[in-house]
């Protein structure tokens, strides 16, 4: 199973939905709250080259945000990415 990292904030509905899909898949993930740690926000922006949350990484793959995660699911590609 790939390591999954999800950069989030407490009040972001897209973060909630992304975590909901990962929970439905039964996969473990590390949640990094960027609203609690400015250094982690900088880390996220450097890694993702984006400022918005969530930013989702599965292994070495930057998935992107919530819409990107759901698009992978609709295309039938999420499960294979999780299993690499």
PDB file of N, CA and C in Angstrom:
ATOM      1  N   UNK A   1       0.851  -1.188   0.000  1.00  0.00           N
ATOM      2  CA  UNK A   1       0.000   0.000   0.000  1.00  0.00           C
ATOM      3  C   UNK A   1       0.885   1.236   0.000  1.00  0.00           C
ATOM      4  N   UNK A   2       0.508   2.184  -0.809  1.00  0.00           N
ATOM      5  CA  UNK A   2       1.237   3.447  -0.923  1.00  0.00           C
ATOM      6  C   UNK A   2       1.002   4.318   0.309  1.00  0.00           C
ATOM      7  N   UNK A   3       2.002   5.136   0.657  1.00  0.00           N
ATOM      8  CA  UNK A   3       1.798   6.141   1.688  1.00  0.00           C
ATOM      9  C   UNK A   3       0.935   7.245   1.093  1.00  0.00           C
ATOM     10  N   UNK A   4      -0.060   7.679   1.852  1.00  0.00           N
ATOM     11  CA  UNK A   4      -0.965   8.729   1.406  1.00  0.00           C
ATOM     12  C   UNK A   4      -0.853   9.892   2.372  1.00  0.00           C
ATOM     13  N   UNK A   5      -0.627  11.078   1.815  1.00  0.00           N
ATOM     14  CA  UNK A   5      -0.563  12.295   2.615  1.00  0.00           C
ATOM     15  C   UNK A   5      -1.603  13.258   2.085  1.00  0.00           C
ATOM     16  N   UNK A   6      -2.398  13.811   3.007  1.00  0.00           N
ATOM     17  CA  UNK A   6      -3.445  14.761   2.645  1.00  0.00           C
ATOM     18  C   UNK A   6      -3.222  16.034   3.465  1.00  0.00           C
ATOM     19  N   UNK A   7      -2.892  17.111   2.775  1.00  0.00           N
ATOM     20  CA  UNK A   7      -2.764  18.422   3.421  1.00  0.00           C
ATOM     21  C   UNK A   7      -4.151  19.038   3.486  1.00  0.00           C
ATOM     22  N   UNK A   8      -4.566  19.473   4.683  1.00  0.00           N
ATOM     23  CA  UNK A   8      -5.933  19.948   4.898  1.00  0.00           C
ATOM     24  C   UNK A   8      -5.973  21.179   5.797  1.00  0.00           C
ATOM     25  N   UNK A   9      -7.187  21.744   5.905  1.00  0.00           N
ATOM     26  CA  UNK A   9      -7.522  22.696   6.964  1.00  0.00           C
ATOM     27  C   UNK A   9      -8.813  22.200   7.618  1.00  0.00           C
ATOM     28  N   UNK A  10      -9.114  22.747   8.777  1.00  0.00           N
ATOM     29  CA  UNK A  10     -10.259  22.268   9.549  1.00  0.00           C
ATOM     30  C   UNK A  10     -11.603  22.585   8.900  1.00  0.00           C
ATOM     31  N   UNK A  11     -11.711  23.703   8.216  1.00  0.00           N
ATOM     32  CA  UNK A  11     -13.022  24.156   7.745  1.00  0.00           C
ATOM     33  C   UNK A  11     -13.257  23.939   6.252  1.00  0.00           C
ATOM     34  N   UNK A  12     -12.399  23.202   5.597  1.00  0.00           N
ATOM     35  CA  UNK A  12     -12.479  23.019   4.149  1.00  0.00           C
ATOM     36  C   UNK A  12     -13.418  21.858   3.797  1.00  0.00           C
ATOM     37  N   UNK A  13     -14.549  22.134   3.113  1.00  0.00           N
ATOM     38  CA  UNK A  13     -15.463  21.046   2.744  1.00  0.00           C
ATOM     39  C   UNK A  13     -14.840  20.082   1.720  1.00  0.00           C
ATOM     40  N   UNK A  14     -13.947  20.574   0.878  1.00  0.00           N
ATOM     41  CA  UNK A  14     -13.284  19.697  -0.088  1.00  0.00           C
ATOM     42  C   UNK A  14     -12.356  18.717   0.627  1.00  0.00           C
ATOM     43  N   UNK A  15     -11.737  19.177   1.698  1.00  0.00           N
ATOM     44  CA  UNK A  15     -10.890  18.294   2.500  1.00  0.00           C
ATOM     45  C   UNK A  15     -11.727  17.174   3.118  1.00  0.00           C
ATOM     46  N   UNK A  16     -12.879  17.539   3.648  1.00  0.00           N
ATOM     47  CA  UNK A  16     -13.786  16.560   4.251  1.00  0.00           C
ATOM     48  C   UNK A  16     -14.200  15.516   3.213  1.00  0.00           C
ATOM     49  N   UNK A  17     -14.550  15.961   2.017  1.00  0.00           N
ATOM     50  CA  UNK A  17     -14.979  15.025   0.978  1.00  0.00           C
ATOM     51  C   UNK A  17     -13.850  14.123   0.501  1.00  0.00           C
ATOM     52  N   UNK A  18     -12.656  14.661   0.381  1.00  0.00           N
ATOM     53  CA  UNK A  18     -11.511  13.841  -0.030  1.00  0.00           C
ATOM     54  C   UNK A  18     -11.233  12.762   1.018  1.00  0.00           C
ATOM     55  N   UNK A  19     -11.240  13.155   2.283  1.00  0.00           N
ATOM     56  CA  UNK A  19     -11.001  12.173   3.351  1.00  0.00           C
ATOM     57  C   UNK A  19     -12.118  11.136   3.403  1.00  0.00           C
ATOM     58  N   UNK A  20     -13.335  11.566   3.103  1.00  0.00           N
ATOM     59  CA  UNK A  20     -14.473  10.642   3.090  1.00  0.00           C
ATOM     60  C   UNK A  20     -14.262   9.541   2.051  1.00  0.00           C
ATOM     61  N   UNK A  21     -13.807   9.912   0.852  1.00  0.00           N
ATOM     62  CA  UNK A  21     -13.562   8.907  -0.184  1.00  0.00           C
ATOM     63  C   UNK A  21     -12.440   7.958   0.233  1.00  0.00           C
ATOM     64  N   UNK A  22     -11.380   8.494   0.791  1.00  0.00           N
ATOM     65  CA  UNK A  22     -10.276   7.633   1.241  1.00  0.00           C
ATOM     66  C   UNK A  22     -10.740   6.708   2.363  1.00  0.00           C
ATOM     67  N   UNK A  23     -11.571   7.222   3.265  1.00  0.00           N
ATOM     68  CA  UNK A  23     -12.125   6.384   4.337  1.00  0.00           C
ATOM     69  C   UNK A  23     -12.996   5.268   3.751  1.00  0.00           C
ATOM     70  N   UNK A  24     -13.800   5.592   2.738  1.00  0.00           N
ATOM     71  CA  UNK A  24     -14.640   4.575   2.098  1.00  0.00           C
ATOM     72  C   UNK A  24     -13.787   3.495   1.439  1.00  0.00           C
ATOM     73  N   UNK A  25     -12.617   3.888   0.956  1.00  0.00           N
ATOM     74  CA  UNK A  25     -11.694   2.924   0.351  1.00  0.00           C
ATOM     75  C   UNK A  25     -10.991   2.079   1.404  1.00  0.00           C
ATOM     76  N   UNK A  26     -11.082   2.497   2.656  1.00  0.00           N
ATOM     77  CA  UNK A  26     -10.464   1.743   3.738  1.00  0.00           C
ATOM     78  C   UNK A  26      -8.948   1.878   3.788  1.00  0.00           C
ATOM     79  N   UNK A  27      -8.439   3.007   3.291  1.00  0.00           N
ATOM     80  CA  UNK A  27      -6.990   3.195   3.285  1.00  0.00           C
ATOM     81  C   UNK A  27      -6.587   4.166   4.390  1.00  0.00           C
ATOM     82  N   UNK A  28      -5.420   3.929   4.928  1.00  0.00           N
ATOM     83  CA  UNK A  28      -4.872   4.818   5.950  1.00  0.00           C
ATOM     84  C   UNK A  28      -4.164   5.973   5.261  1.00  0.00           C
ATOM     85  N   UNK A  29      -4.253   7.147   5.857  1.00  0.00           N
ATOM     86  CA  UNK A  29      -3.573   8.307   5.309  1.00  0.00           C
ATOM     87  C   UNK A  29      -3.108   9.191   6.455  1.00  0.00           C
ATOM     88  N   UNK A  30      -2.086   9.969   6.156  1.00  0.00           N
ATOM     89  CA  UNK A  30      -1.593  10.950   7.114  1.00  0.00           C
ATOM     90  C   UNK A  30      -2.211  12.289   6.762  1.00  0.00           C
ATOM     91  N   UNK A  31      -2.885  12.894   7.719  1.00  0.00           N
ATOM     92  CA  UNK A  31      -3.478  14.213   7.510  1.00  0.00           C
ATOM     93  C   UNK A  31      -2.551  15.253   8.114  1.00  0.00           C
ATOM     94  N   UNK A  32      -2.176  16.238   7.314  1.00  0.00           N
ATOM     95  CA  UNK A  32      -1.338  17.324   7.787  1.00  0.00           C
ATOM     96  C   UNK A  32      -2.171  18.599   7.735  1.00  0.00           C
ATOM     97  N   UNK A  33      -2.446  19.153   8.892  1.00  0.00           N
ATOM     98  CA  UNK A  33      -3.275  20.361   9.004  1.00  0.00           C
ATOM     99  C   UNK A  33      -2.414  21.601   8.796  1.00  0.00           C
ATOM    100  N   UNK A  34      -2.528  22.222   7.652  1.00  0.00           N
ATOM    101  CA  UNK A  34      -1.706  23.386   7.344  1.00  0.00           C
ATOM    102  C   UNK A  34      -2.216  24.652   8.026  1.00  0.00           C
ATOM    103  N   UNK A  35      -3.435  24.627   8.543  1.00  0.00           N
ATOM    104  CA  UNK A  35      -3.943  25.785   9.282  1.00  0.00           C
ATOM    105  C   UNK A  35      -3.353  25.860  10.685  1.00  0.00           C
ATOM    106  N   UNK A  36      -2.753  24.790  11.134  1.00  0.00           N
ATOM    107  CA  UNK A  36      -2.146  24.761  12.462  1.00  0.00           C
ATOM    108  C   UNK A  36      -0.638  24.985  12.429  1.00  0.00           C
ATOM    109  N   UNK A  37      -0.039  24.862  11.253  1.00  0.00           N
ATOM    110  CA  UNK A  37       1.416  24.921  11.154  1.00  0.00           C
ATOM    111  C   UNK A  37       1.832  25.614   9.853  1.00  0.00           C
ATOM    112  N   UNK A  38       2.238  26.876   9.939  1.00  0.00           N
ATOM    113  CA  UNK A  38       2.643  27.613   8.739  1.00  0.00           C
ATOM    114  C   UNK A  38       3.789  26.948   7.974  1.00  0.00           C
ATOM    115  N   UNK A  39       4.671  26.264   8.679  1.00  0.00           N
ATOM    116  CA  UNK A  39       5.772  25.562   8.006  1.00  0.00           C
ATOM    117  C   UNK A  39       5.239  24.438   7.121  1.00  0.00           C
ATOM    118  N   UNK A  40       4.190  23.765   7.570  1.00  0.00           N
ATOM    119  CA  UNK A  40       3.594  22.693   6.774  1.00  0.00           C
ATOM    120  C   UNK A  40       2.877  23.254   5.549  1.00  0.00           C
ATOM    121  N   UNK A  41       2.295  24.455   5.675  1.00  0.00           N
ATOM    122  CA  UNK A  41       1.683  25.098   4.505  1.00  0.00           C
ATOM    123  C   UNK A  41       2.757  25.395   3.462  1.00  0.00           C
ATOM    124  N   UNK A  42       3.902  25.900   3.915  1.00  0.00           N
ATOM    125  CA  UNK A  42       5.020  26.165   2.996  1.00  0.00           C
ATOM    126  C   UNK A  42       5.496  24.864   2.344  1.00  0.00           C
ATOM    127  N   UNK A  43       5.582  23.801   3.144  1.00  0.00           N
ATOM    128  CA  UNK A  43       5.979  22.491   2.620  1.00  0.00           C
ATOM    129  C   UNK A  43       5.001  22.045   1.528  1.00  0.00           C
ATOM    130  N   UNK A  44       3.702  22.184   1.803  1.00  0.00           N
ATOM    131  CA  UNK A  44       2.680  21.788   0.836  1.00  0.00           C
ATOM    132  C   UNK A  44       2.822  22.593  -0.454  1.00  0.00           C
ATOM    133  N   UNK A  45       2.989  23.904  -0.337  1.00  0.00           N
ATOM    134  CA  UNK A  45       3.080  24.752  -1.526  1.00  0.00           C
ATOM    135  C   UNK A  45       4.331  24.429  -2.339  1.00  0.00           C
ATOM    136  N   UNK A  46       5.401  24.081  -1.672  1.00  0.00           N
ATOM    137  CA  UNK A  46       6.624  23.700  -2.379  1.00  0.00           C
ATOM    138  C   UNK A  46       6.435  22.370  -3.098  1.00  0.00           C
ATOM    139  N   UNK A  47       5.860  21.400  -2.410  1.00  0.00           N
ATOM    140  CA  UNK A  47       5.661  20.070  -3.010  1.00  0.00           C
ATOM    141  C   UNK A  47       4.641  20.092  -4.137  1.00  0.00           C
ATOM    142  N   UNK A  48       3.522  20.793  -3.929  1.00  0.00           N
ATOM    143  CA  UNK A  48       2.406  20.733  -4.869  1.00  0.00           C
ATOM    144  C   UNK A  48       2.420  21.867  -5.894  1.00  0.00           C
ATOM    145  N   UNK A  49       3.163  22.914  -5.588  1.00  0.00           N
ATOM    146  CA  UNK A  49       3.153  24.114  -6.424  1.00  0.00           C
ATOM    147  C   UNK A  49       1.737  24.686  -6.522  1.00  0.00           C
ATOM    148  N   UNK A  50       0.978  24.510  -5.450  1.00  0.00           N
ATOM    149  CA  UNK A  50      -0.390  25.029  -5.334  1.00  0.00           C
ATOM    150  C   UNK A  50      -0.595  25.550  -3.921  1.00  0.00           C
ATOM    151  N   UNK A  51      -1.565  26.451  -3.778  1.00  0.00           N
ATOM    152  CA  UNK A  51      -1.834  27.073  -2.476  1.00  0.00           C
ATOM    153  C   UNK A  51      -3.100  26.531  -1.815  1.00  0.00           C
ATOM    154  N   UNK A  52      -3.965  25.865  -2.584  1.00  0.00           N
ATOM    155  CA  UNK A  52      -5.269  25.459  -2.062  1.00  0.00           C
ATOM    156  C   UNK A  52      -5.207  24.073  -1.423  1.00  0.00           C
ATOM    157  N   UNK A  53      -6.153  23.824  -0.538  1.00  0.00           N
ATOM    158  CA  UNK A  53      -6.293  22.511   0.083  1.00  0.00           C
ATOM    159  C   UNK A  53      -7.594  21.889  -0.392  1.00  0.00           C
ATOM    160  N   UNK A  54      -7.674  20.574  -0.369  1.00  0.00           N
ATOM    161  CA  UNK A  54      -6.606  19.657   0.007  1.00  0.00           C
ATOM    162  C   UNK A  54      -5.592  19.496  -1.123  1.00  0.00           C
ATOM    163  N   UNK A  55      -4.412  19.063  -0.738  1.00  0.00           N
ATOM    164  CA  UNK A  55      -3.418  18.588  -1.697  1.00  0.00           C
ATOM    165  C   UNK A  55      -3.119  17.156  -1.281  1.00  0.00           C
ATOM    166  N   UNK A  56      -3.255  16.249  -2.223  1.00  0.00           N
ATOM    167  CA  UNK A  56      -3.200  14.820  -1.934  1.00  0.00           C
ATOM    168  C   UNK A  56      -2.027  14.198  -2.680  1.00  0.00           C
ATOM    169  N   UNK A  57      -1.238  13.441  -1.937  1.00  0.00           N
ATOM    170  CA  UNK A  57      -0.117  12.701  -2.502  1.00  0.00           C
ATOM    171  C   UNK A  57      -0.318  11.222  -2.203  1.00  0.00           C
ATOM    172  N   UNK A  58      -0.200  10.403  -3.233  1.00  0.00           N
ATOM    173  CA  UNK A  58      -0.240   8.950  -3.068  1.00  0.00           C
ATOM    174  C   UNK A  58       1.106   8.444  -3.549  1.00  0.00           C
ATOM    175  N   UNK A  59       1.912   7.988  -2.596  1.00  0.00           N
ATOM    176  CA  UNK A  59       3.287   7.639  -2.927  1.00  0.00           C
ATOM    177  C   UNK A  59       3.992   8.880  -3.451  1.00  0.00           C
ATOM    178  N   UNK A  60       4.664   8.750  -4.575  1.00  0.00           N
ATOM    179  CA  UNK A  60       5.360   9.878  -5.196  1.00  0.00           C
ATOM    180  C   UNK A  60       4.463  10.677  -6.139  1.00  0.00           C
ATOM    181  N   UNK A  61       3.210  10.265  -6.272  1.00  0.00           N
ATOM    182  CA  UNK A  61       2.296  10.908  -7.209  1.00  0.00           C
ATOM    183  C   UNK A  61       1.515  12.030  -6.539  1.00  0.00           C
ATOM    184  N   UNK A  62       1.598  13.226  -7.110  1.00  0.00           N
ATOM    185  CA  UNK A  62       0.767  14.331  -6.645  1.00  0.00           C
ATOM    186  C   UNK A  62      -0.571  14.218  -7.367  1.00  0.00           C
ATOM    187  N   UNK A  63      -1.585  13.807  -6.642  1.00  0.00           N
ATOM    188  CA  UNK A  63      -2.922  13.637  -7.223  1.00  0.00           C
ATOM    189  C   UNK A  63      -3.548  14.998  -7.508  1.00  0.00           C
ATOM    190  N   UNK A  64      -3.364  15.929  -6.605  1.00  0.00           N
ATOM    191  CA  UNK A  64      -3.988  17.245  -6.707  1.00  0.00           C
ATOM    192  C   UNK A  64      -4.996  17.410  -5.594  1.00  0.00           C
ATOM    193  N   UNK A  65      -6.153  17.979  -5.937  1.00  0.00           N
ATOM    194  CA  UNK A  65      -7.177  18.252  -4.941  1.00  0.00           C
ATOM    195  C   UNK A  65      -8.294  17.232  -4.934  1.00  0.00           C
ATOM    196  N   UNK A  66      -9.372  17.604  -4.278  1.00  0.00           N
ATOM    197  CA  UNK A  66     -10.532  16.716  -4.130  1.00  0.00           C
ATOM    198  C   UNK A  66     -11.123  16.329  -5.480  1.00  0.00           C
ATOM    199  N   UNK A  67     -11.316  17.303  -6.361  1.00  0.00           N
ATOM    200  CA  UNK A  67     -11.894  17.007  -7.675  1.00  0.00           C
ATOM    201  C   UNK A  67     -11.019  16.033  -8.452  1.00  0.00           C
ATOM    202  N   UNK A  68      -9.705  16.193  -8.328  1.00  0.00           N
ATOM    203  CA  UNK A  68      -8.775  15.292  -9.012  1.00  0.00           C
ATOM    204  C   UNK A  68      -8.876  13.874  -8.465  1.00  0.00           C
ATOM    205  N   UNK A  69      -9.016  13.762  -7.141  1.00  0.00           N
ATOM    206  CA  UNK A  69      -9.150  12.449  -6.506  1.00  0.00           C
ATOM    207  C   UNK A  69     -10.426  11.750  -6.978  1.00  0.00           C
ATOM    208  N   UNK A  70     -11.548  12.479  -7.002  1.00  0.00           N
ATOM    209  CA  UNK A  70     -12.811  11.897  -7.457  1.00  0.00           C
ATOM    210  C   UNK A  70     -12.776  11.565  -8.943  1.00  0.00           C
ATOM    211  N   UNK A  71     -12.040  12.358  -9.727  1.00  0.00           N
ATOM    212  CA  UNK A  71     -11.906  12.058 -11.158  1.00  0.00           C
ATOM    213  C   UNK A  71     -11.182  10.728 -11.348  1.00  0.00           C
ATOM    214  N   UNK A  72     -10.124  10.494 -10.571  1.00  0.00           N
ATOM    215  CA  UNK A  72      -9.428   9.204 -10.641  1.00  0.00           C
ATOM    216  C   UNK A  72     -10.373   8.062 -10.299  1.00  0.00           C
ATOM    217  N   UNK A  73     -11.222   8.270  -9.305  1.00  0.00           N
ATOM    218  CA  UNK A  73     -12.189   7.243  -8.899  1.00  0.00           C
ATOM    219  C   UNK A  73     -13.175   6.971 -10.036  1.00  0.00           C
ATOM    220  N   UNK A  74     -13.716   8.023 -10.649  1.00  0.00           N
ATOM    221  CA  UNK A  74     -14.669   7.858 -11.752  1.00  0.00           C
ATOM    222  C   UNK A  74     -14.038   7.146 -12.949  1.00  0.00           C
ATOM    223  N   UNK A  75     -12.762   7.415 -13.188  1.00  0.00           N
ATOM    224  CA  UNK A  75     -12.054   6.802 -14.313  1.00  0.00           C
ATOM    225  C   UNK A  75     -11.571   5.382 -14.011  1.00  0.00           C
ATOM    226  N   UNK A  76     -11.791   4.924 -12.775  1.00  0.00           N
ATOM    227  CA  UNK A  76     -11.361   3.588 -12.390  1.00  0.00           C
ATOM    228  C   UNK A  76      -9.867   3.457 -12.177  1.00  0.00           C
ATOM    229  N   UNK A  77      -9.183   4.570 -11.927  1.00  0.00           N
ATOM    230  CA  UNK A  77      -7.725   4.559 -11.788  1.00  0.00           C
ATOM    231  C   UNK A  77      -7.249   4.683 -10.345  1.00  0.00           C
ATOM    232  N   UNK A  78      -8.133   5.037  -9.431  1.00  0.00           N
ATOM    233  CA  UNK A  78      -7.715   5.277  -8.052  1.00  0.00           C
ATOM    234  C   UNK A  78      -7.248   4.010  -7.369  1.00  0.00           C
ATOM    235  N   UNK A  79      -7.991   2.926  -7.508  1.00  0.00           N
ATOM    236  CA  UNK A  79      -7.624   1.670  -6.827  1.00  0.00           C
ATOM    237  C   UNK A  79      -6.233   1.194  -7.235  1.00  0.00           C
ATOM    238  N   UNK A  80      -5.922   1.257  -8.520  1.00  0.00           N
ATOM    239  CA  UNK A  80      -4.594   0.804  -8.966  1.00  0.00           C
ATOM    240  C   UNK A  80      -3.499   1.709  -8.445  1.00  0.00           C
ATOM    241  N   UNK A  81      -3.771   3.014  -8.350  1.00  0.00           N
ATOM    242  CA  UNK A  81      -2.776   3.928  -7.793  1.00  0.00           C
ATOM    243  C   UNK A  81      -2.538   3.641  -6.312  1.00  0.00           C
ATOM    244  N   UNK A  82      -3.601   3.324  -5.599  1.00  0.00           N
ATOM    245  CA  UNK A  82      -3.467   3.009  -4.177  1.00  0.00           C
ATOM    246  C   UNK A  82      -2.681   1.730  -3.953  1.00  0.00           C
ATOM    247  N   UNK A  83      -2.752   0.788  -4.883  1.00  0.00           N
ATOM    248  CA  UNK A  83      -2.126  -0.526  -4.707  1.00  0.00           C
ATOM    249  C   UNK A  83      -0.660  -0.594  -5.128  1.00  0.00           C
ATOM    250  N   UNK A  84      -0.154   0.434  -5.813  1.00  0.00           N
ATOM    251  CA  UNK A  84       1.229   0.389  -6.289  1.00  0.00           C
ATOM    252  C   UNK A  84       2.204   0.203  -5.169  1.00  0.00           C
TER     253      UNK A  84
END
